[in-house]
Each structure stands twice: as structure tokens, then as C-alpha cells.
Amino acid sequence: MEPAEVEAMIKKQLPDAQVIVNGEGCSFSVIVVSTRFEGCTLLKKQQLVLDSVREPLASGALHAISVKAHTPEEWSRQ
């Protein structure tokens, strides 16, 4: 799986998101910044991102993914 494929799947679920993908093969880390995360718990933010890659995770095409999810305000403080 390519980083661009992971990015496209996340953006399909979260169209306004800024997505940064690192990794190769079947293991990736992603940083996702979206207004959709406003008012969400950390767990809910991660669930929203993981929902977008559920199919490749289930099939094994994507083996591991580390998620860091932020609102734009949280990201600007980083």
C-alpha cells in the first residue's frame, strides 16, 4: 500500500482534513488535522480516522497504523 492511498482513504471520510502520512508497505503513521474533531475525545478522533481504513486493516493490506488526530487549533499549538 502506498502513502497516497492511505491519504485518499482518510480524505474520503474527512474531506476537510490535512493529512500527513509516513511509512511504507503495510505500516504507517498519520497525522490528521480536521475541524470534524472539534468537541471529540481523543478516542473518538482516532476512531473517525480508523473507520476510514477499516477495510484494508481487516484484509491485512494495512497491518499497522499509528494515528495522531488534532483540531486546527490543537495543531497550531504544536
N, C-alpha and C. Protein backbone atom coordinates (compact mmCIF):
# COMPACT_ATOMS: atom_id res chain seq x y z
N MET A 1 0.84 -1.17 0.00
CA MET A 1 0.00 0.00 0.00
C MET A 1 0.89 1.24 0.00
N GLU A 2 0.48 2.25 -0.71
CA GLU A 2 1.23 3.49 -0.85
C GLU A 2 0.68 4.56 0.09
N PRO A 3 1.52 5.48 0.55
CA PRO A 3 1.05 6.57 1.40
C PRO A 3 -0.10 7.36 0.78
N ALA A 4 -0.06 7.57 -0.52
CA ALA A 4 -1.12 8.32 -1.20
C ALA A 4 -2.47 7.61 -1.09
N GLU A 5 -2.44 6.28 -1.09
CA GLU A 5 -3.68 5.51 -0.95
C GLU A 5 -4.27 5.70 0.45
N VAL A 6 -3.42 5.68 1.45
CA VAL A 6 -3.88 5.89 2.83
C VAL A 6 -4.46 7.29 2.97
N GLU A 7 -3.76 8.27 2.42
CA GLU A 7 -4.24 9.66 2.47
C GLU A 7 -5.59 9.79 1.79
N ALA A 8 -5.77 9.17 0.64
CA ALA A 8 -7.03 9.27 -0.10
C ALA A 8 -8.19 8.65 0.69
N MET A 9 -7.94 7.53 1.35
CA MET A 9 -9.00 6.90 2.15
C MET A 9 -9.43 7.78 3.31
N ILE A 10 -8.46 8.41 3.96
CA ILE A 10 -8.79 9.30 5.08
C ILE A 10 -9.53 10.52 4.59
N LYS A 11 -9.07 11.10 3.48
CA LYS A 11 -9.74 12.30 2.95
C LYS A 11 -11.14 12.00 2.43
N LYS A 12 -11.39 10.78 2.02
CA LYS A 12 -12.74 10.41 1.59
C LYS A 12 -13.69 10.49 2.78
N GLN A 13 -13.23 10.06 3.95
CA GLN A 13 -14.03 10.08 5.17
C GLN A 13 -14.06 11.48 5.80
N LEU A 14 -12.95 12.19 5.71
CA LEU A 14 -12.80 13.52 6.32
C LEU A 14 -12.31 14.50 5.25
N PRO A 15 -13.20 14.95 4.37
CA PRO A 15 -12.79 15.76 3.20
C PRO A 15 -12.02 17.03 3.53
N ASP A 16 -12.27 17.64 4.67
CA ASP A 16 -11.59 18.90 5.00
C ASP A 16 -10.23 18.68 5.65
N ALA A 17 -9.85 17.44 5.85
CA ALA A 17 -8.65 17.12 6.64
C ALA A 17 -7.35 17.43 5.92
N GLN A 18 -6.39 17.85 6.72
CA GLN A 18 -5.00 17.92 6.28
C GLN A 18 -4.39 16.62 6.77
N VAL A 19 -3.80 15.84 5.87
CA VAL A 19 -3.31 14.50 6.22
C VAL A 19 -1.82 14.39 5.88
N ILE A 20 -1.04 13.96 6.85
CA ILE A 20 0.38 13.71 6.66
C ILE A 20 0.60 12.22 6.92
N VAL A 21 1.12 11.51 5.92
CA VAL A 21 1.32 10.06 6.03
C VAL A 21 2.80 9.74 5.92
N ASN A 22 3.28 8.95 6.85
CA ASN A 22 4.66 8.46 6.82
C ASN A 22 4.63 6.94 6.92
N GLY A 23 5.54 6.30 6.22
CA GLY A 23 5.63 4.85 6.28
C GLY A 23 5.63 4.26 4.89
N GLU A 24 5.63 2.92 4.86
CA GLU A 24 5.62 2.22 3.58
C GLU A 24 5.14 0.79 3.81
N GLY A 25 4.83 0.14 2.71
CA GLY A 25 4.38 -1.25 2.80
C GLY A 25 3.03 -1.35 3.46
N CYS A 26 2.99 -1.91 4.66
CA CYS A 26 1.70 -2.07 5.33
C CYS A 26 1.70 -1.43 6.72
N SER A 27 2.68 -0.59 7.01
CA SER A 27 2.75 0.09 8.31
C SER A 27 2.93 1.59 8.11
N PHE A 28 2.04 2.36 8.72
CA PHE A 28 2.06 3.81 8.53
C PHE A 28 1.79 4.54 9.83
N SER A 29 2.23 5.78 9.88
CA SER A 29 1.81 6.71 10.93
C SER A 29 1.18 7.89 10.20
N VAL A 30 0.10 8.40 10.77
CA VAL A 30 -0.60 9.51 10.14
C VAL A 30 -0.87 10.60 11.17
N ILE A 31 -0.81 11.82 10.68
CA ILE A 31 -1.26 12.98 11.44
C ILE A 31 -2.42 13.55 10.64
N VAL A 32 -3.55 13.72 11.32
CA VAL A 32 -4.76 14.21 10.65
C VAL A 32 -5.26 15.43 11.41
N VAL A 33 -5.47 16.52 10.68
CA VAL A 33 -5.97 17.75 11.27
C VAL A 33 -7.31 18.05 10.59
N SER A 34 -8.37 18.15 11.41
CA SER A 34 -9.70 18.37 10.83
C SER A 34 -10.60 19.12 11.82
N THR A 35 -11.45 19.98 11.27
CA THR A 35 -12.45 20.65 12.10
C THR A 35 -13.48 19.65 12.62
N ARG A 36 -13.59 18.52 11.98
CA ARG A 36 -14.54 17.46 12.40
C ARG A 36 -14.22 16.94 13.81
N PHE A 37 -12.99 17.13 14.27
CA PHE A 37 -12.58 16.64 15.57
C PHE A 37 -12.96 17.56 16.72
N GLU A 38 -13.47 18.74 16.41
CA GLU A 38 -13.81 19.70 17.46
C GLU A 38 -14.88 19.10 18.37
N GLY A 39 -14.62 19.13 19.67
CA GLY A 39 -15.55 18.60 20.66
C GLY A 39 -15.45 17.09 20.86
N CYS A 40 -14.54 16.44 20.14
CA CYS A 40 -14.39 14.98 20.24
C CYS A 40 -13.30 14.63 21.25
N THR A 41 -13.48 13.49 21.88
CA THR A 41 -12.43 12.96 22.75
C THR A 41 -11.30 12.42 21.88
N LEU A 42 -10.17 12.17 22.49
CA LEU A 42 -9.03 11.60 21.77
C LEU A 42 -9.43 10.27 21.13
N LEU A 43 -10.13 9.44 21.88
CA LEU A 43 -10.57 8.14 21.36
C LEU A 43 -11.49 8.30 20.15
N LYS A 44 -12.44 9.22 20.23
CA LYS A 44 -13.37 9.43 19.12
C LYS A 44 -12.63 9.92 17.87
N LYS A 45 -11.65 10.80 18.05
CA LYS A 45 -10.85 11.30 16.92
C LYS A 45 -10.16 10.12 16.22
N GLN A 46 -9.54 9.26 17.01
CA GLN A 46 -8.84 8.11 16.44
C GLN A 46 -9.81 7.16 15.76
N GLN A 47 -10.98 6.96 16.35
CA GLN A 47 -11.98 6.09 15.73
C GLN A 47 -12.43 6.62 14.38
N LEU A 48 -12.61 7.92 14.28
CA LEU A 48 -13.02 8.51 13.00
C LEU A 48 -11.99 8.24 11.91
N VAL A 49 -10.71 8.35 12.26
CA VAL A 49 -9.66 8.08 11.29
C VAL A 49 -9.60 6.59 10.97
N LEU A 50 -9.62 5.75 11.99
CA LEU A 50 -9.52 4.30 11.77
C LEU A 50 -10.70 3.76 10.97
N ASP A 51 -11.88 4.37 11.12
CA ASP A 51 -13.04 3.96 10.32
C ASP A 51 -12.77 4.09 8.83
N SER A 52 -11.96 5.07 8.46
CA SER A 52 -11.67 5.31 7.05
C SER A 52 -10.76 4.25 6.44
N VAL A 53 -10.03 3.52 7.28
CA VAL A 53 -9.11 2.48 6.78
C VAL A 53 -9.50 1.09 7.30
N ARG A 54 -10.74 0.94 7.71
CA ARG A 54 -11.22 -0.32 8.29
C ARG A 54 -11.04 -1.50 7.33
N GLU A 55 -11.41 -1.33 6.08
CA GLU A 55 -11.34 -2.43 5.10
C GLU A 55 -9.91 -2.95 4.89
N PRO A 56 -8.94 -2.07 4.60
CA PRO A 56 -7.57 -2.60 4.43
C PRO A 56 -6.99 -3.18 5.72
N LEU A 57 -7.41 -2.67 6.88
CA LEU A 57 -6.95 -3.26 8.13
C LEU A 57 -7.50 -4.68 8.29
N ALA A 58 -8.78 -4.85 7.95
CA ALA A 58 -9.42 -6.16 8.07
C ALA A 58 -8.83 -7.17 7.10
N SER A 59 -8.46 -6.72 5.91
CA SER A 59 -7.94 -7.63 4.88
C SER A 59 -6.45 -7.93 5.07
N GLY A 60 -5.78 -7.12 5.87
CA GLY A 60 -4.34 -7.30 6.07
C GLY A 60 -3.49 -6.47 5.11
N ALA A 61 -4.13 -5.77 4.17
CA ALA A 61 -3.38 -4.91 3.25
C ALA A 61 -2.67 -3.80 4.03
N LEU A 62 -3.29 -3.40 5.13
CA LEU A 62 -2.72 -2.42 6.05
C LEU A 62 -2.56 -3.14 7.38
N HIS A 63 -1.33 -3.28 7.81
CA HIS A 63 -1.06 -4.07 9.01
C HIS A 63 -1.10 -3.23 10.28
N ALA A 64 -0.50 -2.05 10.23
CA ALA A 64 -0.41 -1.20 11.42
C ALA A 64 -0.52 0.26 11.03
N ILE A 65 -1.26 1.00 11.85
CA ILE A 65 -1.36 2.44 11.61
C ILE A 65 -1.39 3.16 12.96
N SER A 66 -0.53 4.15 13.09
CA SER A 66 -0.47 4.99 14.27
C SER A 66 -1.17 6.30 13.91
N VAL A 67 -2.09 6.74 14.76
CA VAL A 67 -2.89 7.92 14.45
C VAL A 67 -2.68 9.02 15.48
N LYS A 68 -2.40 10.21 14.98
CA LYS A 68 -2.41 11.42 15.80
C LYS A 68 -3.42 12.35 15.15
N ALA A 69 -4.48 12.67 15.87
CA ALA A 69 -5.57 13.47 15.31
C ALA A 69 -5.71 14.76 16.11
N HIS A 70 -5.82 15.89 15.41
CA HIS A 70 -5.88 17.20 16.04
C HIS A 70 -6.94 18.07 15.38
N THR A 71 -7.49 18.99 16.16
CA THR A 71 -8.28 20.07 15.57
C THR A 71 -7.28 21.09 15.02
N PRO A 72 -7.72 21.99 14.15
CA PRO A 72 -6.79 23.01 13.66
C PRO A 72 -6.17 23.84 14.80
N GLU A 73 -6.96 24.13 15.82
CA GLU A 73 -6.45 24.90 16.96
C GLU A 73 -5.37 24.12 17.71
N GLU A 74 -5.62 22.82 17.94
CA GLU A 74 -4.62 21.99 18.62
C GLU A 74 -3.34 21.92 17.79
N TRP A 75 -3.49 21.77 16.49
CA TRP A 75 -2.34 21.65 15.60
C TRP A 75 -1.51 22.93 15.57
N SER A 76 -2.19 24.08 15.63
CA SER A 76 -1.45 25.36 15.60
C SER A 76 -0.61 25.55 16.85
N ARG A 77 -0.96 24.88 17.93
CA ARG A 77 -0.18 24.96 19.16
C ARG A 77 1.00 24.00 19.17
N GLN A 78 1.06 23.09 18.22
CA GLN A 78 2.15 22.10 18.17
C GLN A 78 3.45 22.72 17.75
